[in-house]
Amino acid sequence: METVAAIMALIDRTAPPTINLDDPDDDLAIDLATKPRPLAPRAAGQPMAVINDAFGFGGHNVALVFTEYLPPSSTAAEA
């Protein structure tokens, strides 16, 4: 389910809120998404990316990174 949410965030260009976060600590220097908000724009030619971390049984940890497809520009193809 988390992978689907990460891909949907990429497609919608919206960071979903952190679930089960009812009372965030104001002293933490972490930028938490308490409500849906637009993802920060990227520089020209830089794909948008999202990451999904998963912690499994027996210490198996996985991080998946999804990026949007950007077709090659005509100037890059000519080089």
PDB file of N, CA and C in Angstrom:
ATOM      1  N   MET A   1       0.815  -1.190   0.000  1.00  0.00           N
ATOM      2  CA  MET A   1       0.000   0.000   0.000  1.00  0.00           C
ATOM      3  C   MET A   1       0.863   1.261   0.000  1.00  0.00           C
ATOM      4  N   GLU A   2       1.992   1.209   0.723  1.00  0.00           N
ATOM      5  CA  GLU A   2       2.856   2.385   0.775  1.00  0.00           C
ATOM      6  C   GLU A   2       3.446   2.707  -0.592  1.00  0.00           C
ATOM      7  N   THR A   3       3.767   1.661  -1.358  1.00  0.00           N
ATOM      8  CA  THR A   3       4.327   1.878  -2.693  1.00  0.00           C
ATOM      9  C   THR A   3       3.311   2.573  -3.585  1.00  0.00           C
ATOM     10  N   VAL A   4       2.068   2.165  -3.502  1.00  0.00           N
ATOM     11  CA  VAL A   4       1.010   2.807  -4.298  1.00  0.00           C
ATOM     12  C   VAL A   4       0.882   4.269  -3.899  1.00  0.00           C
ATOM     13  N   ALA A   5       0.925   4.556  -2.601  1.00  0.00           N
ATOM     14  CA  ALA A   5       0.827   5.943  -2.131  1.00  0.00           C
ATOM     15  C   ALA A   5       2.013   6.766  -2.625  1.00  0.00           C
ATOM     16  N   ALA A   6       3.207   6.179  -2.638  1.00  0.00           N
ATOM     17  CA  ALA A   6       4.393   6.900  -3.115  1.00  0.00           C
ATOM     18  C   ALA A   6       4.269   7.223  -4.607  1.00  0.00           C
ATOM     19  N   ILE A   7       3.811   6.260  -5.390  1.00  0.00           N
ATOM     20  CA  ILE A   7       3.653   6.496  -6.833  1.00  0.00           C
ATOM     21  C   ILE A   7       2.545   7.508  -7.095  1.00  0.00           C
ATOM     22  N   MET A   8       1.461   7.429  -6.330  1.00  0.00           N
ATOM     23  CA  MET A   8       0.374   8.408  -6.500  1.00  0.00           C
ATOM     24  C   MET A   8       0.852   9.810  -6.137  1.00  0.00           C
ATOM     25  N   ALA A   9       1.710   9.934  -5.130  1.00  0.00           N
ATOM     26  CA  ALA A   9       2.271  11.238  -4.774  1.00  0.00           C
ATOM     27  C   ALA A   9       3.094  11.789  -5.928  1.00  0.00           C
ATOM     28  N   LEU A  10       3.830  10.923  -6.600  1.00  0.00           N
ATOM     29  CA  LEU A  10       4.628  11.329  -7.753  1.00  0.00           C
ATOM     30  C   LEU A  10       3.735  11.775  -8.900  1.00  0.00           C
ATOM     31  N   ILE A  11       2.701  11.010  -9.174  1.00  0.00           N
ATOM     32  CA  ILE A  11       1.780  11.351 -10.265  1.00  0.00           C
ATOM     33  C   ILE A  11       1.034  12.647  -9.960  1.00  0.00           C
ATOM     34  N   ASP A  12       0.531  12.767  -8.730  1.00  0.00           N
ATOM     35  CA  ASP A  12      -0.252  13.944  -8.343  1.00  0.00           C
ATOM     36  C   ASP A  12       0.619  15.139  -7.959  1.00  0.00           C
ATOM     37  N   ARG A  13       1.928  14.891  -7.800  1.00  0.00           N
ATOM     38  CA  ARG A  13       2.872  15.928  -7.354  1.00  0.00           C
ATOM     39  C   ARG A  13       2.422  16.553  -6.030  1.00  0.00           C
ATOM     40  N   THR A  14       1.951  15.669  -5.142  1.00  0.00           N
ATOM     41  CA  THR A  14       1.455  16.107  -3.837  1.00  0.00           C
ATOM     42  C   THR A  14       2.010  15.192  -2.751  1.00  0.00           C
ATOM     43  N   ALA A  15       2.606  15.782  -1.724  1.00  0.00           N
ATOM     44  CA  ALA A  15       3.076  15.014  -0.575  1.00  0.00           C
ATOM     45  C   ALA A  15       1.883  14.698   0.319  1.00  0.00           C
ATOM     46  N   PRO A  16       1.623  13.416   0.569  1.00  0.00           N
ATOM     47  CA  PRO A  16       0.506  13.084   1.450  1.00  0.00           C
ATOM     48  C   PRO A  16       0.861  13.404   2.901  1.00  0.00           C
ATOM     49  N   PRO A  17      -0.145  13.603   3.745  1.00  0.00           N
ATOM     50  CA  PRO A  17       0.154  13.887   5.153  1.00  0.00           C
ATOM     51  C   PRO A  17       0.698  12.657   5.863  1.00  0.00           C
ATOM     52  N   THR A  18       1.452  12.886   6.924  1.00  0.00           N
ATOM     53  CA  THR A  18       1.942  11.803   7.769  1.00  0.00           C
ATOM     54  C   THR A  18       0.760  11.268   8.565  1.00  0.00           C
ATOM     55  N   ILE A  19       0.490   9.963   8.443  1.00  0.00           N
ATOM     56  CA  ILE A  19      -0.669   9.404   9.134  1.00  0.00           C
ATOM     57  C   ILE A  19      -0.369   9.218  10.616  1.00  0.00           C
ATOM     58  N   ASN A  20      -1.413   9.229  11.409  1.00  0.00           N
ATOM     59  CA  ASN A  20      -1.338   9.025  12.859  1.00  0.00           C
ATOM     60  C   ASN A  20      -0.448  10.044  13.560  1.00  0.00           C
ATOM     61  N   LEU A  21      -0.349  11.224  13.009  1.00  0.00           N
ATOM     62  CA  LEU A  21       0.433  12.295  13.634  1.00  0.00           C
ATOM     63  C   LEU A  21      -0.559  13.331  14.153  1.00  0.00           C
ATOM     64  N   ASP A  22      -1.001  13.131  15.380  1.00  0.00           N
ATOM     65  CA  ASP A  22      -2.018  14.006  15.946  1.00  0.00           C
ATOM     66  C   ASP A  22      -1.434  15.195  16.699  1.00  0.00           C
ATOM     67  N   ASP A  23      -0.259  15.008  17.280  1.00  0.00           N
ATOM     68  CA  ASP A  23       0.329  16.052  18.114  1.00  0.00           C
ATOM     69  C   ASP A  23       1.831  16.163  17.836  1.00  0.00           C
ATOM     70  N   PRO A  24       2.232  16.792  16.725  1.00  0.00           N
ATOM     71  CA  PRO A  24       3.663  16.884  16.412  1.00  0.00           C
ATOM     72  C   PRO A  24       4.404  17.761  17.417  1.00  0.00           C
ATOM     73  N   ASP A  25       5.661  17.420  17.669  1.00  0.00           N
ATOM     74  CA  ASP A  25       6.508  18.173  18.588  1.00  0.00           C
ATOM     75  C   ASP A  25       7.048  19.398  17.850  1.00  0.00           C
ATOM     76  N   ASP A  26       6.684  20.585  18.304  1.00  0.00           N
ATOM     77  CA  ASP A  26       7.108  21.819  17.645  1.00  0.00           C
ATOM     78  C   ASP A  26       8.613  22.053  17.758  1.00  0.00           C
ATOM     79  N   ASP A  27       9.284  21.379  18.700  1.00  0.00           N
ATOM     80  CA  ASP A  27      10.727  21.556  18.881  1.00  0.00           C
ATOM     81  C   ASP A  27      11.558  20.741  17.893  1.00  0.00           C
ATOM     82  N   LEU A  28      10.931  19.792  17.191  1.00  0.00           N
ATOM     83  CA  LEU A  28      11.657  18.992  16.213  1.00  0.00           C
ATOM     84  C   LEU A  28      11.950  19.820  14.961  1.00  0.00           C
ATOM     85  N   ALA A  29      13.154  19.683  14.463  1.00  0.00           N
ATOM     86  CA  ALA A  29      13.536  20.408  13.247  1.00  0.00           C
ATOM     87  C   ALA A  29      13.314  19.517  12.023  1.00  0.00           C
ATOM     88  N   ILE A  30      12.101  18.957  11.926  1.00  0.00           N
ATOM     89  CA  ILE A  30      11.747  18.078  10.816  1.00  0.00           C
ATOM     90  C   ILE A  30      10.554  18.693  10.097  1.00  0.00           C
ATOM     91  N   ASP A  31      10.627  18.700   8.784  1.00  0.00           N
ATOM     92  CA  ASP A  31       9.541  19.243   7.971  1.00  0.00           C
ATOM     93  C   ASP A  31       8.503  18.147   7.739  1.00  0.00           C
ATOM     94  N   LEU A  32       7.518  18.060   8.622  1.00  0.00           N
ATOM     95  CA  LEU A  32       6.476  17.047   8.517  1.00  0.00           C
ATOM     96  C   LEU A  32       5.310  17.559   7.691  1.00  0.00           C
ATOM     97  N   ALA A  33       4.756  16.697   6.884  1.00  0.00           N
ATOM     98  CA  ALA A  33       3.558  17.053   6.126  1.00  0.00           C
ATOM     99  C   ALA A  33       2.350  16.728   6.993  1.00  0.00           C
ATOM    100  N   THR A  34       1.762  17.744   7.592  1.00  0.00           N
ATOM    101  CA  THR A  34       0.586  17.523   8.435  1.00  0.00           C
ATOM    102  C   THR A  34      -0.702  17.557   7.628  1.00  0.00           C
ATOM    103  N   LYS A  35      -0.627  18.021   6.395  1.00  0.00           N
ATOM    104  CA  LYS A  35      -1.755  18.002   5.463  1.00  0.00           C
ATOM    105  C   LYS A  35      -1.170  17.896   4.053  1.00  0.00           C
ATOM    106  N   PRO A  36      -1.950  17.450   3.070  1.00  0.00           N
ATOM    107  CA  PRO A  36      -1.407  17.328   1.713  1.00  0.00           C
ATOM    108  C   PRO A  36      -0.857  18.673   1.229  1.00  0.00           C
ATOM    109  N   ARG A  37       0.272  18.616   0.526  1.00  0.00           N
ATOM    110  CA  ARG A  37       0.853  19.846  -0.003  1.00  0.00           C
ATOM    111  C   ARG A  37       1.628  19.532  -1.282  1.00  0.00           C
ATOM    112  N   PRO A  38       1.767  20.511  -2.149  1.00  0.00           N
ATOM    113  CA  PRO A  38       2.475  20.276  -3.414  1.00  0.00           C
ATOM    114  C   PRO A  38       3.945  19.935  -3.170  1.00  0.00           C
ATOM    115  N   LEU A  39       4.469  19.037  -3.979  1.00  0.00           N
ATOM    116  CA  LEU A  39       5.896  18.737  -3.916  1.00  0.00           C
ATOM    117  C   LEU A  39       6.675  19.918  -4.471  1.00  0.00           C
ATOM    118  N   ALA A  40       7.867  20.123  -3.954  1.00  0.00           N
ATOM    119  CA  ALA A  40       8.710  21.230  -4.412  1.00  0.00           C
ATOM    120  C   ALA A  40       9.061  21.027  -5.886  1.00  0.00           C
ATOM    121  N   PRO A  41       9.023  22.091  -6.670  1.00  0.00           N
ATOM    122  CA  PRO A  41       9.367  21.950  -8.090  1.00  0.00           C
ATOM    123  C   PRO A  41      10.848  21.603  -8.262  1.00  0.00           C
ATOM    124  N   ARG A  42      11.163  20.925  -9.333  1.00  0.00           N
ATOM    125  CA  ARG A  42      12.532  20.525  -9.638  1.00  0.00           C
ATOM    126  C   ARG A  42      13.105  21.451 -10.700  1.00  0.00           C
ATOM    127  N   ALA A  43      14.409  21.494 -10.775  1.00  0.00           N
ATOM    128  CA  ALA A  43      15.077  22.268 -11.821  1.00  0.00           C
ATOM    129  C   ALA A  43      14.776  21.633 -13.175  1.00  0.00           C
ATOM    130  N   ALA A  44      14.860  22.424 -14.214  1.00  0.00           N
ATOM    131  CA  ALA A  44      14.594  21.918 -15.564  1.00  0.00           C
ATOM    132  C   ALA A  44      15.497  20.727 -15.858  1.00  0.00           C
ATOM    133  N   GLY A  45      14.909  19.669 -16.376  1.00  0.00           N
ATOM    134  CA  GLY A  45      15.671  18.478 -16.724  1.00  0.00           C
ATOM    135  C   GLY A  45      15.883  17.510 -15.577  1.00  0.00           C
ATOM    136  N   GLN A  46      15.452  17.861 -14.373  1.00  0.00           N
ATOM    137  CA  GLN A  46      15.596  16.982 -13.206  1.00  0.00           C
ATOM    138  C   GLN A  46      14.261  16.280 -12.939  1.00  0.00           C
ATOM    139  N   PRO A  47      14.244  14.955 -12.915  1.00  0.00           N
ATOM    140  CA  PRO A  47      12.978  14.254 -12.688  1.00  0.00           C
ATOM    141  C   PRO A  47      12.519  14.366 -11.232  1.00  0.00           C
ATOM    142  N   MET A  48      11.224  14.346 -11.043  1.00  0.00           N
ATOM    143  CA  MET A  48      10.634  14.291  -9.711  1.00  0.00           C
ATOM    144  C   MET A  48      10.855  12.878  -9.180  1.00  0.00           C
ATOM    145  N   ALA A  49      11.136  12.740  -7.895  1.00  0.00           N
ATOM    146  CA  ALA A  49      11.402  11.416  -7.316  1.00  0.00           C
ATOM    147  C   ALA A  49      10.720  11.282  -5.962  1.00  0.00           C
ATOM    148  N   VAL A  50      10.351  10.055  -5.623  1.00  0.00           N
ATOM    149  CA  VAL A  50       9.812   9.727  -4.304  1.00  0.00           C
ATOM    150  C   VAL A  50      10.525   8.469  -3.817  1.00  0.00           C
ATOM    151  N   ILE A  51      10.568   8.289  -2.505  1.00  0.00           N
ATOM    152  CA  ILE A  51      11.220   7.122  -1.919  1.00  0.00           C
ATOM    153  C   ILE A  51      10.240   6.421  -0.983  1.00  0.00           C
ATOM    154  N   ASN A  52      10.345   5.099  -0.940  1.00  0.00           N
ATOM    155  CA  ASN A  52       9.516   4.284  -0.064  1.00  0.00           C
ATOM    156  C   ASN A  52      10.442   3.337   0.693  1.00  0.00           C
ATOM    157  N   ASP A  53      10.444   3.432   2.022  1.00  0.00           N
ATOM    158  CA  ASP A  53      11.246   2.540   2.861  1.00  0.00           C
ATOM    159  C   ASP A  53      10.358   1.452   3.432  1.00  0.00           C
ATOM    160  N   ALA A  54      10.899   0.238   3.514  1.00  0.00           N
ATOM    161  CA  ALA A  54      10.153  -0.868   4.111  1.00  0.00           C
ATOM    162  C   ALA A  54      11.090  -1.676   4.995  1.00  0.00           C
ATOM    163  N   PHE A  55      10.606  -2.018   6.170  1.00  0.00           N
ATOM    164  CA  PHE A  55      11.371  -2.816   7.120  1.00  0.00           C
ATOM    165  C   PHE A  55      10.637  -4.133   7.299  1.00  0.00           C
ATOM    166  N   GLY A  56      11.320  -5.230   6.953  1.00  0.00           N
ATOM    167  CA  GLY A  56      10.672  -6.531   6.969  1.00  0.00           C
ATOM    168  C   GLY A  56      11.141  -7.417   8.092  1.00  0.00           C
ATOM    169  N   PHE A  57      10.617  -8.635   8.101  1.00  0.00           N
ATOM    170  CA  PHE A  57      10.977  -9.625   9.116  1.00  0.00           C
ATOM    171  C   PHE A  57      12.426 -10.048   8.944  1.00  0.00           C
ATOM    172  N   GLY A  58      13.081 -10.355  10.040  1.00  0.00           N
ATOM    173  CA  GLY A  58      14.445 -10.862   9.990  1.00  0.00           C
ATOM    174  C   GLY A  58      15.479  -9.823   9.595  1.00  0.00           C
ATOM    175  N   GLY A  59      15.145  -8.549   9.716  1.00  0.00           N
ATOM    176  CA  GLY A  59      16.108  -7.503   9.417  1.00  0.00           C
ATOM    177  C   GLY A  59      16.246  -7.164   7.952  1.00  0.00           C
ATOM    178  N   HIS A  60      15.318  -7.577   7.127  1.00  0.00           N
ATOM    179  CA  HIS A  60      15.366  -7.237   5.705  1.00  0.00           C
ATOM    180  C   HIS A  60      14.794  -5.837   5.503  1.00  0.00           C
ATOM    181  N   ASN A  61      15.621  -4.951   5.025  1.00  0.00           N
ATOM    182  CA  ASN A  61      15.210  -3.566   4.796  1.00  0.00           C
ATOM    183  C   ASN A  61      15.341  -3.248   3.310  1.00  0.00           C
ATOM    184  N   VAL A  62      14.392  -2.494   2.805  1.00  0.00           N
ATOM    185  CA  VAL A  62      14.372  -2.148   1.387  1.00  0.00           C
ATOM    186  C   VAL A  62      14.031  -0.673   1.241  1.00  0.00           C
ATOM    187  N   ALA A  63      14.686  -0.021   0.317  1.00  0.00           N
ATOM    188  CA  ALA A  63      14.335   1.351  -0.058  1.00  0.00           C
ATOM    189  C   ALA A  63      14.098   1.365  -1.567  1.00  0.00           C
ATOM    190  N   LEU A  64      12.921   1.786  -1.967  1.00  0.00           N
ATOM    191  CA  LEU A  64      12.576   1.890  -3.385  1.00  0.00           C
ATOM    192  C   LEU A  64      12.522   3.363  -3.759  1.00  0.00           C
ATOM    193  N   VAL A  65      13.141   3.707  -4.871  1.00  0.00           N
ATOM    194  CA  VAL A  65      13.112   5.076  -5.373  1.00  0.00           C
ATOM    195  C   VAL A  65      12.417   5.053  -6.729  1.00  0.00           C
ATOM    196  N   PHE A  66      11.385   5.865  -6.854  1.00  0.00           N
ATOM    197  CA  PHE A  66      10.650   5.980  -8.110  1.00  0.00           C
ATOM    198  C   PHE A  66      10.857   7.382  -8.664  1.00  0.00           C
ATOM    199  N   THR A  67      11.151   7.475  -9.951  1.00  0.00           N
ATOM    200  CA  THR A  67      11.295   8.776 -10.599  1.00  0.00           C
ATOM    201  C   THR A  67      10.381   8.834 -11.798  1.00  0.00           C
ATOM    202  N   GLU A  68      10.021  10.049 -12.173  1.00  0.00           N
ATOM    203  CA  GLU A  68       9.197  10.208 -13.355  1.00  0.00           C
ATOM    204  C   GLU A  68      10.069  10.060 -14.598  1.00  0.00           C
ATOM    205  N   TYR A  69       9.458   9.664 -15.692  1.00  0.00           N
ATOM    206  CA  TYR A  69      10.173   9.551 -16.959  1.00  0.00           C
ATOM    207  C   TYR A  69      10.208  10.914 -17.630  1.00  0.00           C
ATOM    208  N   LEU A  70      11.403  11.319 -18.022  1.00  0.00           N
ATOM    209  CA  LEU A  70      11.561  12.536 -18.797  1.00  0.00           C
ATOM    210  C   LEU A  70      12.133  12.143 -20.158  1.00  0.00           C
ATOM    211  N   PRO A  71      11.407  12.390 -21.221  1.00  0.00           N
ATOM    212  CA  PRO A  71      11.946  12.035 -22.535  1.00  0.00           C
ATOM    213  C   PRO A  71      13.197  12.859 -22.828  1.00  0.00           C
ATOM    214  N   PRO A  72      14.137  12.284 -23.584  1.00  0.00           N
ATOM    215  CA  PRO A  72      15.338  13.037 -23.904  1.00  0.00           C
ATOM    216  C   PRO A  72      14.994  14.315 -24.661  1.00  0.00           C
ATOM    217  N   SER A  73      15.711  15.375 -24.324  1.00  0.00           N
ATOM    218  CA  SER A  73      15.468  16.630 -25.046  1.00  0.00           C
ATOM    219  C   SER A  73      16.090  16.536 -26.429  1.00  0.00           C
ATOM    220  N   SER A  74      15.623  17.350 -27.348  1.00  0.00           N
ATOM    221  CA  SER A  74      16.145  17.313 -28.710  1.00  0.00           C
ATOM    222  C   SER A  74      17.588  17.751 -28.764  1.00  0.00           C
ATOM    223  N   THR A  75      17.999  18.673 -27.868  1.00  0.00           N
ATOM    224  CA  THR A  75      19.386  19.133 -27.871  1.00  0.00           C
ATOM    225  C   THR A  75      20.304  18.050 -27.343  1.00  0.00           C
ATOM    226  N   ALA A  76      19.847  17.251 -26.358  1.00  0.00           N
ATOM    227  CA  ALA A  76      20.686  16.184 -25.820  1.00  0.00           C
ATOM    228  C   ALA A  76      20.827  15.062 -26.852  1.00  0.00           C
ATOM    229  N   ALA A  77      19.783  14.807 -27.623  1.00  0.00           N
ATOM    230  CA  ALA A  77      19.829  13.753 -28.621  1.00  0.00           C
ATOM    231  C   ALA A  77      20.767  14.109 -29.772  1.00  0.00           C
ATOM    232  N   GLU A  78      20.919  15.399 -30.034  1.00  0.00           N
ATOM    233  CA  GLU A  78      21.776  15.837 -31.137  1.00  0.00           C
ATOM    234  C   GLU A  78      23.243  15.818 -30.776  1.00  0.00           C
ATOM    235  N   ALA A  79      23.569  15.840 -29.473  1.00  0.00           N
ATOM    236  CA  ALA A  79      24.971  15.915 -29.031  1.00  0.00           C
ATOM    237  C   ALA A  79      25.725  14.636 -29.264  1.00  0.00           C
TER     238      ALA A  79
END
